[in-house]
């Protein structure tokens, strides 16, 4: 699967999510540079920190916001709403993840 296809699949799964999902959290982590590091199931964050599980991206706005790259425009980091598009998810964290993933694609 190409990176573009993987991104489209992740976006589709985020849009179809009925609520928080640890399976989806794992997919988001893998799509954002995390690695499942060893047979015990620990996760290695992009900064090298070891975690027992990936963050709860689909449940926590704070966790979702950690996915914003530092070089994103300030107006996006402050979550200014673009009235031309709606980012709809089952909960605020899912809606935010959809907006972040779409914005990352726009910058690529």
PDB file of N, CA and C in Angstrom:
ATOM      1  N   UNK A   1       0.849  -1.169   0.000  1.00  0.00           N
ATOM      2  CA  UNK A   1       0.000   0.000   0.000  1.00  0.00           C
ATOM      3  C   UNK A   1       0.904   1.244   0.000  1.00  0.00           C
ATOM      4  N   UNK A   2       0.594   2.168  -0.865  1.00  0.00           N
ATOM      5  CA  UNK A   2       1.379   3.400  -0.960  1.00  0.00           C
ATOM      6  C   UNK A   2       1.089   4.290   0.255  1.00  0.00           C
ATOM      7  N   UNK A   3       1.979   5.248   0.549  1.00  0.00           N
ATOM      8  CA  UNK A   3       1.709   6.170   1.661  1.00  0.00           C
ATOM      9  C   UNK A   3       0.394   6.933   1.484  1.00  0.00           C
ATOM     10  N   UNK A   4       0.078   7.326   0.245  1.00  0.00           N
ATOM     11  CA  UNK A   4      -1.179   8.041   0.003  1.00  0.00           C
ATOM     12  C   UNK A   4      -2.389   7.149   0.286  1.00  0.00           C
ATOM     13  N   UNK A   5      -2.294   5.880  -0.109  1.00  0.00           N
ATOM     14  CA  UNK A   5      -3.393   4.950   0.152  1.00  0.00           C
ATOM     15  C   UNK A   5      -3.543   4.702   1.656  1.00  0.00           C
ATOM     16  N   UNK A   6      -2.402   4.578   2.351  1.00  0.00           N
ATOM     17  CA  UNK A   6      -2.436   4.359   3.801  1.00  0.00           C
ATOM     18  C   UNK A   6      -3.075   5.549   4.498  1.00  0.00           C
ATOM     19  N   UNK A   7      -2.741   6.763   4.065  1.00  0.00           N
ATOM     20  CA  UNK A   7      -3.318   7.979   4.652  1.00  0.00           C
ATOM     21  C   UNK A   7      -4.821   8.023   4.398  1.00  0.00           C
ATOM     22  N   UNK A   8      -5.234   7.697   3.169  1.00  0.00           N
ATOM     23  CA  UNK A   8      -6.661   7.698   2.840  1.00  0.00           C
ATOM     24  C   UNK A   8      -7.410   6.663   3.676  1.00  0.00           C
ATOM     25  N   UNK A   9      -6.806   5.508   3.877  1.00  0.00           N
ATOM     26  CA  UNK A   9      -7.424   4.468   4.696  1.00  0.00           C
ATOM     27  C   UNK A   9      -7.555   4.935   6.138  1.00  0.00           C
ATOM     28  N   UNK A  10      -6.499   5.558   6.681  1.00  0.00           N
ATOM     29  CA  UNK A  10      -6.561   6.070   8.053  1.00  0.00           C
ATOM     30  C   UNK A  10      -7.640   7.134   8.186  1.00  0.00           C
ATOM     31  N   UNK A  11      -7.716   8.058   7.244  1.00  0.00           N
ATOM     32  CA  UNK A  11      -8.758   9.083   7.288  1.00  0.00           C
ATOM     33  C   UNK A  11     -10.151   8.464   7.248  1.00  0.00           C
ATOM     34  N   UNK A  12     -10.336   7.472   6.395  1.00  0.00           N
ATOM     35  CA  UNK A  12     -11.643   6.793   6.302  1.00  0.00           C
ATOM     36  C   UNK A  12     -11.998   6.134   7.625  1.00  0.00           C
ATOM     37  N   UNK A  13     -11.020   5.487   8.248  1.00  0.00           N
ATOM     38  CA  UNK A  13     -11.277   4.820   9.529  1.00  0.00           C
ATOM     39  C   UNK A  13     -11.571   5.838  10.633  1.00  0.00           C
ATOM     40  N   UNK A  14     -10.882   6.983  10.608  1.00  0.00           N
ATOM     41  CA  UNK A  14     -11.165   8.029  11.592  1.00  0.00           C
ATOM     42  C   UNK A  14     -12.586   8.559  11.411  1.00  0.00           C
ATOM     43  N   UNK A  15     -12.993   8.772  10.167  1.00  0.00           N
ATOM     44  CA  UNK A  15     -14.326   9.303   9.889  1.00  0.00           C
ATOM     45  C   UNK A  15     -15.416   8.302  10.250  1.00  0.00           C
ATOM     46  N   UNK A  16     -15.116   7.017  10.159  1.00  0.00           N
ATOM     47  CA  UNK A  16     -16.112   5.983  10.452  1.00  0.00           C
ATOM     48  C   UNK A  16     -16.106   5.558  11.920  1.00  0.00           C
ATOM     49  N   UNK A  17     -15.139   6.011  12.697  1.00  0.00           N
ATOM     50  CA  UNK A  17     -15.021   5.580  14.092  1.00  0.00           C
ATOM     51  C   UNK A  17     -16.257   5.979  14.892  1.00  0.00           C
ATOM     52  N   UNK A  18     -16.750   5.046  15.685  1.00  0.00           N
ATOM     53  CA  UNK A  18     -17.924   5.288  16.517  1.00  0.00           C
ATOM     54  C   UNK A  18     -17.549   5.856  17.879  1.00  0.00           C
ATOM     55  N   UNK A  19     -16.256   5.943  18.139  1.00  0.00           N
ATOM     56  CA  UNK A  19     -15.777   6.446  19.423  1.00  0.00           C
ATOM     57  C   UNK A  19     -14.318   6.090  19.583  1.00  0.00           C
ATOM     58  N   UNK A  20     -13.778   6.301  20.772  1.00  0.00           N
ATOM     59  CA  UNK A  20     -12.366   5.982  21.004  1.00  0.00           C
ATOM     60  C   UNK A  20     -12.062   4.521  20.684  1.00  0.00           C
ATOM     61  N   UNK A  21     -10.871   4.290  20.151  1.00  0.00           N
ATOM     62  CA  UNK A  21     -10.466   2.942  19.750  1.00  0.00           C
ATOM     63  C   UNK A  21      -8.973   2.769  19.959  1.00  0.00           C
ATOM     64  N   UNK A  22      -8.601   1.808  20.789  1.00  0.00           N
ATOM     65  CA  UNK A  22      -7.175   1.548  21.007  1.00  0.00           C
ATOM     66  C   UNK A  22      -6.532   0.996  19.729  1.00  0.00           C
ATOM     67  N   UNK A  23      -7.286   0.243  18.939  1.00  0.00           N
ATOM     68  CA  UNK A  23      -6.767  -0.262  17.658  1.00  0.00           C
ATOM     69  C   UNK A  23      -6.445   0.911  16.725  1.00  0.00           C
ATOM     70  N   UNK A  24      -7.326   1.868  16.666  1.00  0.00           N
ATOM     71  CA  UNK A  24      -7.117   3.052  15.833  1.00  0.00           C
ATOM     72  C   UNK A  24      -5.979   3.910  16.391  1.00  0.00           C
ATOM     73  N   UNK A  25      -5.872   3.997  17.722  1.00  0.00           N
ATOM     74  CA  UNK A  25      -4.740   4.710  18.328  1.00  0.00           C
ATOM     75  C   UNK A  25      -3.417   4.110  17.852  1.00  0.00           C
ATOM     76  N   UNK A  26      -3.351   2.780  17.782  1.00  0.00           N
ATOM     77  CA  UNK A  26      -2.129   2.107  17.327  1.00  0.00           C
ATOM     78  C   UNK A  26      -1.838   2.444  15.861  1.00  0.00           C
ATOM     79  N   UNK A  27      -2.874   2.451  15.028  1.00  0.00           N
ATOM     80  CA  UNK A  27      -2.677   2.803  13.617  1.00  0.00           C
ATOM     81  C   UNK A  27      -2.183   4.241  13.471  1.00  0.00           C
ATOM     82  N   UNK A  28      -2.745   5.148  14.259  1.00  0.00           N
ATOM     83  CA  UNK A  28      -2.320   6.547  14.221  1.00  0.00           C
ATOM     84  C   UNK A  28      -0.862   6.659  14.644  1.00  0.00           C
ATOM     85  N   UNK A  29      -0.500   5.957  15.711  1.00  0.00           N
ATOM     86  CA  UNK A  29       0.883   5.983  16.192  1.00  0.00           C
ATOM     87  C   UNK A  29       1.840   5.497  15.101  1.00  0.00           C
ATOM     88  N   UNK A  30       1.522   4.369  14.488  1.00  0.00           N
ATOM     89  CA  UNK A  30       2.384   3.825  13.424  1.00  0.00           C
ATOM     90  C   UNK A  30       2.501   4.793  12.253  1.00  0.00           C
ATOM     91  N   UNK A  31       1.409   5.483  11.920  1.00  0.00           N
ATOM     92  CA  UNK A  31       1.412   6.440  10.806  1.00  0.00           C
ATOM     93  C   UNK A  31       2.203   7.707  11.145  1.00  0.00           C
ATOM     94  N   UNK A  32       2.527   7.884  12.426  1.00  0.00           N
ATOM     95  CA  UNK A  32       3.219   9.090  12.855  1.00  0.00           C
ATOM     96  C   UNK A  32       4.581   8.798  13.468  1.00  0.00           C
ATOM     97  N   UNK A  33       5.211   7.729  12.997  1.00  0.00           N
ATOM     98  CA  UNK A  33       6.600   7.465  13.355  1.00  0.00           C
ATOM     99  C   UNK A  33       6.847   6.586  14.563  1.00  0.00           C
ATOM    100  N   UNK A  34       5.803   6.099  15.203  1.00  0.00           N
ATOM    101  CA  UNK A  34       5.989   5.173  16.321  1.00  0.00           C
ATOM    102  C   UNK A  34       6.312   3.796  15.775  1.00  0.00           C
ATOM    103  N   UNK A  35       6.968   2.982  16.599  1.00  0.00           N
ATOM    104  CA  UNK A  35       7.279   1.605  16.222  1.00  0.00           C
ATOM    105  C   UNK A  35       6.945   0.686  17.395  1.00  0.00           C
ATOM    106  N   UNK A  36       6.445  -0.483  17.072  1.00  0.00           N
ATOM    107  CA  UNK A  36       6.255  -1.503  18.101  1.00  0.00           C
ATOM    108  C   UNK A  36       7.616  -2.164  18.242  1.00  0.00           C
ATOM    109  N   UNK A  37       8.277  -1.939  19.367  1.00  0.00           N
ATOM    110  CA  UNK A  37       9.710  -2.159  19.445  1.00  0.00           C
ATOM    111  C   UNK A  37      10.197  -3.546  19.823  1.00  0.00           C
ATOM    112  N   UNK A  38       9.408  -4.341  20.496  1.00  0.00           N
ATOM    113  CA  UNK A  38       9.940  -5.633  20.928  1.00  0.00           C
ATOM    114  C   UNK A  38       8.823  -6.641  21.143  1.00  0.00           C
ATOM    115  N   UNK A  39       9.188  -7.902  21.385  1.00  0.00           N
ATOM    116  CA  UNK A  39       8.160  -8.945  21.549  1.00  0.00           C
ATOM    117  C   UNK A  39       7.235  -8.725  22.745  1.00  0.00           C
ATOM    118  N   UNK A  40       7.671  -7.960  23.759  1.00  0.00           N
ATOM    119  CA  UNK A  40       6.802  -7.694  24.903  1.00  0.00           C
ATOM    120  C   UNK A  40       5.698  -6.704  24.556  1.00  0.00           C
ATOM    121  N   UNK A  41       5.761  -6.090  23.391  1.00  0.00           N
ATOM    122  CA  UNK A  41       4.706  -5.194  22.950  1.00  0.00           C
ATOM    123  C   UNK A  41       4.900  -3.742  23.308  1.00  0.00           C
ATOM    124  N   UNK A  42       6.084  -3.356  23.767  1.00  0.00           N
ATOM    125  CA  UNK A  42       6.322  -1.946  24.067  1.00  0.00           C
ATOM    126  C   UNK A  42       6.383  -1.137  22.791  1.00  0.00           C
ATOM    127  N   UNK A  43       6.104   0.146  22.929  1.00  0.00           N
ATOM    128  CA  UNK A  43       6.085   1.068  21.800  1.00  0.00           C
ATOM    129  C   UNK A  43       7.232   2.060  21.937  1.00  0.00           C
ATOM    130  N   UNK A  44       7.853   2.377  20.822  1.00  0.00           N
ATOM    131  CA  UNK A  44       8.934   3.363  20.791  1.00  0.00           C
ATOM    132  C   UNK A  44       8.422   4.612  20.072  1.00  0.00           C
ATOM    133  N   UNK A  45       8.392   5.724  20.802  1.00  0.00           N
ATOM    134  CA  UNK A  45       7.948   6.999  20.236  1.00  0.00           C
ATOM    135  C   UNK A  45       9.020   7.539  19.302  1.00  0.00           C
ATOM    136  N   UNK A  46       8.658   8.450  18.403  1.00  0.00           N
ATOM    137  CA  UNK A  46       9.648   9.030  17.481  1.00  0.00           C
ATOM    138  C   UNK A  46      10.842   9.669  18.199  1.00  0.00           C
ATOM    139  N   UNK A  47      10.644  10.153  19.430  1.00  0.00           N
ATOM    140  CA  UNK A  47      11.753  10.763  20.182  1.00  0.00           C
ATOM    141  C   UNK A  47      12.590   9.731  20.934  1.00  0.00           C
ATOM    142  N   UNK A  48      12.248   8.436  20.790  1.00  0.00           N
ATOM    143  CA  UNK A  48      13.017   7.372  21.425  1.00  0.00           C
ATOM    144  C   UNK A  48      12.480   6.914  22.769  1.00  0.00           C
ATOM    145  N   UNK A  49      11.511   7.623  23.328  1.00  0.00           N
ATOM    146  CA  UNK A  49      10.909   7.202  24.595  1.00  0.00           C
ATOM    147  C   UNK A  49      10.157   5.889  24.400  1.00  0.00           C
ATOM    148  N   UNK A  50      10.171   5.060  25.442  1.00  0.00           N
ATOM    149  CA  UNK A  50       9.477   3.771  25.403  1.00  0.00           C
ATOM    150  C   UNK A  50       8.175   3.893  26.197  1.00  0.00           C
ATOM    151  N   UNK A  51       7.097   3.431  25.595  1.00  0.00           N
ATOM    152  CA  UNK A  51       5.770   3.477  26.205  1.00  0.00           C
ATOM    153  C   UNK A  51       5.174   2.064  26.228  1.00  0.00           C
ATOM    154  N   UNK A  52       4.331   1.790  27.197  1.00  0.00           N
ATOM    155  CA  UNK A  52       3.632   0.503  27.239  1.00  0.00           C
ATOM    156  C   UNK A  52       2.569   0.434  26.151  1.00  0.00           C
ATOM    157  N   UNK A  53       1.932   1.580  25.880  1.00  0.00           N
ATOM    158  CA  UNK A  53       0.906   1.663  24.836  1.00  0.00           C
ATOM    159  C   UNK A  53       1.037   3.024  24.164  1.00  0.00           C
ATOM    160  N   UNK A  54       0.513   3.144  22.955  1.00  0.00           N
ATOM    161  CA  UNK A  54       0.522   4.467  22.328  1.00  0.00           C
ATOM    162  C   UNK A  54      -0.464   5.397  23.035  1.00  0.00           C
ATOM    163  N   UNK A  55      -0.313   6.711  22.840  1.00  0.00           N
ATOM    164  CA  UNK A  55      -1.271   7.652  23.446  1.00  0.00           C
ATOM    165  C   UNK A  55      -2.702   7.370  22.991  1.00  0.00           C
ATOM    166  N   UNK A  56      -3.636   7.847  23.765  1.00  0.00           N
ATOM    167  CA  UNK A  56      -5.066   7.679  23.462  1.00  0.00           C
ATOM    168  C   UNK A  56      -5.524   8.819  22.550  1.00  0.00           C
ATOM    169  N   UNK A  57      -5.015   8.787  21.327  1.00  0.00           N
ATOM    170  CA  UNK A  57      -5.303   9.851  20.363  1.00  0.00           C
ATOM    171  C   UNK A  57      -6.791  10.042  20.111  1.00  0.00           C
ATOM    172  N   UNK A  58      -7.531   8.936  20.030  1.00  0.00           N
ATOM    173  CA  UNK A  58      -8.952   9.004  19.676  1.00  0.00           C
ATOM    174  C   UNK A  58      -9.841   9.375  20.856  1.00  0.00           C
ATOM    175  N   UNK A  59      -9.245   9.563  22.014  1.00  0.00           N
ATOM    176  CA  UNK A  59     -10.008   9.898  23.214  1.00  0.00           C
ATOM    177  C   UNK A  59      -9.618  11.265  23.783  1.00  0.00           C
ATOM    178  N   UNK A  60      -8.383  11.664  23.563  1.00  0.00           N
ATOM    179  CA  UNK A  60      -7.845  12.844  24.223  1.00  0.00           C
ATOM    180  C   UNK A  60      -7.411  13.923  23.230  1.00  0.00           C
ATOM    181  N   UNK A  61      -7.979  15.102  23.364  1.00  0.00           N
ATOM    182  CA  UNK A  61      -7.565  16.220  22.518  1.00  0.00           C
ATOM    183  C   UNK A  61      -6.095  16.543  22.777  1.00  0.00           C
ATOM    184  N   UNK A  62      -5.668  16.467  24.034  1.00  0.00           N
ATOM    185  CA  UNK A  62      -4.259  16.736  24.346  1.00  0.00           C
ATOM    186  C   UNK A  62      -3.340  15.772  23.606  1.00  0.00           C
ATOM    187  N   UNK A  63      -3.702  14.492  23.569  1.00  0.00           N
ATOM    188  CA  UNK A  63      -2.885  13.515  22.840  1.00  0.00           C
ATOM    189  C   UNK A  63      -2.908  13.817  21.343  1.00  0.00           C
ATOM    190  N   UNK A  64      -4.080  14.138  20.806  1.00  0.00           N
ATOM    191  CA  UNK A  64      -4.185  14.454  19.374  1.00  0.00           C
ATOM    192  C   UNK A  64      -3.319  15.655  19.015  1.00  0.00           C
ATOM    193  N   UNK A  65      -3.288  16.659  19.876  1.00  0.00           N
ATOM    194  CA  UNK A  65      -2.502  17.863  19.594  1.00  0.00           C
ATOM    195  C   UNK A  65      -1.003  17.602  19.548  1.00  0.00           C
ATOM    196  N   UNK A  66      -0.537  16.520  20.171  1.00  0.00           N
ATOM    197  CA  UNK A  66       0.898  16.211  20.120  1.00  0.00           C
ATOM    198  C   UNK A  66       1.345  15.833  18.713  1.00  0.00           C
ATOM    199  N   UNK A  67       0.401  15.555  17.828  1.00  0.00           N
ATOM    200  CA  UNK A  67       0.741  15.169  16.454  1.00  0.00           C
ATOM    201  C   UNK A  67       1.026  16.372  15.558  1.00  0.00           C
ATOM    202  N   UNK A  68       0.731  17.578  16.033  1.00  0.00           N
ATOM    203  CA  UNK A  68       0.999  18.767  15.227  1.00  0.00           C
ATOM    204  C   UNK A  68       2.499  19.032  15.178  1.00  0.00           C
ATOM    205  N   UNK A  69       3.073  19.078  13.987  1.00  0.00           N
ATOM    206  CA  UNK A  69       4.489  19.423  13.891  1.00  0.00           C
ATOM    207  C   UNK A  69       4.733  20.850  14.367  1.00  0.00           C
ATOM    208  N   UNK A  70       5.916  21.088  14.908  1.00  0.00           N
ATOM    209  CA  UNK A  70       6.269  22.409  15.428  1.00  0.00           C
ATOM    210  C   UNK A  70       6.204  23.494  14.360  1.00  0.00           C
ATOM    211  N   UNK A  71       6.442  23.131  13.093  1.00  0.00           N
ATOM    212  CA  UNK A  71       6.498  24.145  12.037  1.00  0.00           C
ATOM    213  C   UNK A  71       5.133  24.437  11.398  1.00  0.00           C
ATOM    214  N   UNK A  72       4.048  23.905  11.983  1.00  0.00           N
ATOM    215  CA  UNK A  72       2.738  24.210  11.432  1.00  0.00           C
ATOM    216  C   UNK A  72       2.430  25.679  11.651  1.00  0.00           C
ATOM    217  N   UNK A  73       1.683  26.293  10.744  1.00  0.00           N
ATOM    218  CA  UNK A  73       1.342  27.712  10.911  1.00  0.00           C
ATOM    219  C   UNK A  73       0.641  27.959  12.242  1.00  0.00           C
ATOM    220  N   UNK A  74       0.951  29.068  12.843  1.00  0.00           N
ATOM    221  CA  UNK A  74       0.399  29.397  14.159  1.00  0.00           C
ATOM    222  C   UNK A  74      -1.122  29.392  14.159  1.00  0.00           C
ATOM    223  N   UNK A  75      -1.741  29.860  13.085  1.00  0.00           N
ATOM    224  CA  UNK A  75      -3.204  29.886  13.074  1.00  0.00           C
ATOM    225  C   UNK A  75      -3.800  28.486  13.127  1.00  0.00           C
ATOM    226  N   UNK A  76      -3.084  27.481  12.597  1.00  0.00           N
ATOM    227  CA  UNK A  76      -3.600  26.114  12.696  1.00  0.00           C
ATOM    228  C   UNK A  76      -3.411  25.590  14.115  1.00  0.00           C
ATOM    229  N   UNK A  77      -2.266  25.888  14.710  1.00  0.00           N
ATOM    230  CA  UNK A  77      -1.993  25.412  16.066  1.00  0.00           C
ATOM    231  C   UNK A  77      -3.014  25.984  17.057  1.00  0.00           C
ATOM    232  N   UNK A  78      -3.563  27.145  16.770  1.00  0.00           N
ATOM    233  CA  UNK A  78      -4.566  27.718  17.657  1.00  0.00           C
ATOM    234  C   UNK A  78      -5.981  27.257  17.269  1.00  0.00           C
ATOM    235  N   UNK A  79      -6.071  26.371  16.295  1.00  0.00           N
ATOM    236  CA  UNK A  79      -7.321  25.750  15.861  1.00  0.00           C
ATOM    237  C   UNK A  79      -8.342  26.733  15.306  1.00  0.00           C
ATOM    238  N   UNK A  80      -7.861  27.690  14.557  1.00  0.00           N
ATOM    239  CA  UNK A  80      -8.777  28.600  13.865  1.00  0.00           C
ATOM    240  C   UNK A  80      -9.647  27.778  12.921  1.00  0.00           C
ATOM    241  N   UNK A  81     -10.917  28.029  12.926  1.00  0.00           N
ATOM    242  CA  UNK A  81     -11.841  27.231  12.119  1.00  0.00           C
ATOM    243  C   UNK A  81     -11.869  27.744  10.691  1.00  0.00           C
ATOM    244  N   UNK A  82     -11.764  26.828   9.753  1.00  0.00           N
ATOM    245  CA  UNK A  82     -11.922  27.144   8.339  1.00  0.00           C
ATOM    246  C   UNK A  82     -13.394  26.900   8.018  1.00  0.00           C
ATOM    247  N   UNK A  83     -14.131  27.949   7.739  1.00  0.00           N
ATOM    248  CA  UNK A  83     -15.571  27.808   7.547  1.00  0.00           C
ATOM    249  C   UNK A  83     -15.942  27.151   6.220  1.00  0.00           C
ATOM    250  N   UNK A  84     -14.960  26.881   5.367  1.00  0.00           N
ATOM    251  CA  UNK A  84     -15.233  26.194   4.106  1.00  0.00           C
ATOM    252  C   UNK A  84     -15.313  24.687   4.282  1.00  0.00           C
ATOM    253  N   UNK A  85     -14.747  24.160   5.371  1.00  0.00           N
ATOM    254  CA  UNK A  85     -14.735  22.714   5.588  1.00  0.00           C
ATOM    255  C   UNK A  85     -15.159  22.388   7.008  1.00  0.00           C
ATOM    256  N   UNK A  86     -15.851  21.274   7.149  1.00  0.00           N
ATOM    257  CA  UNK A  86     -16.231  20.776   8.457  1.00  0.00           C
ATOM    258  C   UNK A  86     -15.453  19.500   8.719  1.00  0.00           C
ATOM    259  N   UNK A  87     -14.928  19.374   9.904  1.00  0.00           N
ATOM    260  CA  UNK A  87     -14.243  18.154  10.327  1.00  0.00           C
ATOM    261  C   UNK A  87     -15.115  17.507  11.385  1.00  0.00           C
ATOM    262  N   UNK A  88     -15.786  16.455  10.987  1.00  0.00           N
ATOM    263  CA  UNK A  88     -16.771  15.825  11.852  1.00  0.00           C
ATOM    264  C   UNK A  88     -16.258  14.473  12.299  1.00  0.00           C
ATOM    265  N   UNK A  89     -16.322  14.234  13.592  1.00  0.00           N
ATOM    266  CA  UNK A  89     -15.978  12.943  14.166  1.00  0.00           C
ATOM    267  C   UNK A  89     -16.955  12.637  15.279  1.00  0.00           C
ATOM    268  N   UNK A  90     -16.931  11.434  15.765  1.00  0.00           N
ATOM    269  CA  UNK A  90     -17.860  11.017  16.815  1.00  0.00           C
ATOM    270  C   UNK A  90     -17.615  11.774  18.119  1.00  0.00           C
ATOM    271  N   UNK A  91     -16.376  12.213  18.324  1.00  0.00           N
ATOM    272  CA  UNK A  91     -16.064  13.025  19.500  1.00  0.00           C
ATOM    273  C   UNK A  91     -15.059  14.101  19.080  1.00  0.00           C
ATOM    274  N   UNK A  92     -14.797  15.093  19.921  1.00  0.00           N
ATOM    275  CA  UNK A  92     -13.884  16.171  19.517  1.00  0.00           C
ATOM    276  C   UNK A  92     -12.476  15.689  19.152  1.00  0.00           C
ATOM    277  N   UNK A  93     -11.962  14.688  19.863  1.00  0.00           N
ATOM    278  CA  UNK A  93     -10.617  14.189  19.546  1.00  0.00           C
ATOM    279  C   UNK A  93     -10.572  13.601  18.137  1.00  0.00           C
ATOM    280  N   UNK A  94     -11.603  12.849  17.748  1.00  0.00           N
ATOM    281  CA  UNK A  94     -11.638  12.264  16.401  1.00  0.00           C
ATOM    282  C   UNK A  94     -11.753  13.355  15.338  1.00  0.00           C
ATOM    283  N   UNK A  95     -12.571  14.359  15.575  1.00  0.00           N
ATOM    284  CA  UNK A  95     -12.699  15.467  14.615  1.00  0.00           C
ATOM    285  C   UNK A  95     -11.359  16.185  14.464  1.00  0.00           C
ATOM    286  N   UNK A  96     -10.665  16.400  15.570  1.00  0.00           N
ATOM    287  CA  UNK A  96      -9.369  17.053  15.528  1.00  0.00           C
ATOM    288  C   UNK A  96      -8.347  16.208  14.769  1.00  0.00           C
ATOM    289  N   UNK A  97      -8.342  14.900  14.992  1.00  0.00           N
ATOM    290  CA  UNK A  97      -7.419  14.018  14.276  1.00  0.00           C
ATOM    291  C   UNK A  97      -7.660  14.065  12.770  1.00  0.00           C
ATOM    292  N   UNK A  98      -8.917  14.091  12.369  1.00  0.00           N
ATOM    293  CA  UNK A  98      -9.246  14.175  10.944  1.00  0.00           C
ATOM    294  C   UNK A  98      -8.694  15.483  10.375  1.00  0.00           C
ATOM    295  N   UNK A  99      -8.880  16.582  11.076  1.00  0.00           N
ATOM    296  CA  UNK A  99      -8.368  17.889  10.608  1.00  0.00           C
ATOM    297  C   UNK A  99      -6.854  17.877  10.537  1.00  0.00           C
ATOM    298  N   UNK A 100      -6.185  17.303  11.532  1.00  0.00           N
ATOM    299  CA  UNK A 100      -4.715  17.259  11.539  1.00  0.00           C
ATOM    300  C   UNK A 100      -4.201  16.435  10.377  1.00  0.00           C
ATOM    301  N   UNK A 101      -4.748  15.253  10.182  1.00  0.00           N
ATOM    302  CA  UNK A 101      -4.263  14.383   9.109  1.00  0.00           C
ATOM    303  C   UNK A 101      -4.504  15.031   7.740  1.00  0.00           C
ATOM    304  N   UNK A 102      -5.638  15.674   7.546  1.00  0.00           N
ATOM    305  CA  UNK A 102      -5.905  16.365   6.268  1.00  0.00           C
ATOM    306  C   UNK A 102      -4.936  17.516   6.074  1.00  0.00           C
ATOM    307  N   UNK A 103      -4.677  18.287   7.116  1.00  0.00           N
ATOM    308  CA  UNK A 103      -3.762  19.426   7.002  1.00  0.00           C
ATOM    309  C   UNK A 103      -2.348  18.972   6.700  1.00  0.00           C
ATOM    310  N   UNK A 104      -1.926  17.855   7.277  1.00  0.00           N
ATOM    311  CA  UNK A 104      -0.589  17.327   6.983  1.00  0.00           C
ATOM    312  C   UNK A 104      -0.470  17.008   5.498  1.00  0.00           C
ATOM    313  N   UNK A 105      -1.518  16.437   4.939  1.00  0.00           N
ATOM    314  CA  UNK A 105      -1.511  16.118   3.511  1.00  0.00           C
ATOM    315  C   UNK A 105      -1.449  17.359   2.658  1.00  0.00           C
ATOM    316  N   UNK A 106      -2.098  18.426   3.075  1.00  0.00           N
ATOM    317  CA  UNK A 106      -2.082  19.682   2.329  1.00  0.00           C
ATOM    318  C   UNK A 106      -0.698  20.311   2.300  1.00  0.00           C
ATOM    319  N   UNK A 107       0.116  20.044   3.343  1.00  0.00           N
ATOM    320  CA  UNK A 107       1.454  20.618   3.424  1.00  0.00           C
ATOM    321  C   UNK A 107       2.503  19.775   2.706  1.00  0.00           C
ATOM    322  N   UNK A 108       2.139  18.539   2.372  1.00  0.00           N
ATOM    323  CA  UNK A 108       3.106  17.625   1.734  1.00  0.00           C
ATOM    324  C   UNK A 108       3.403  18.032   0.305  1.00  0.00           C
TER     325      UNK A 108
END
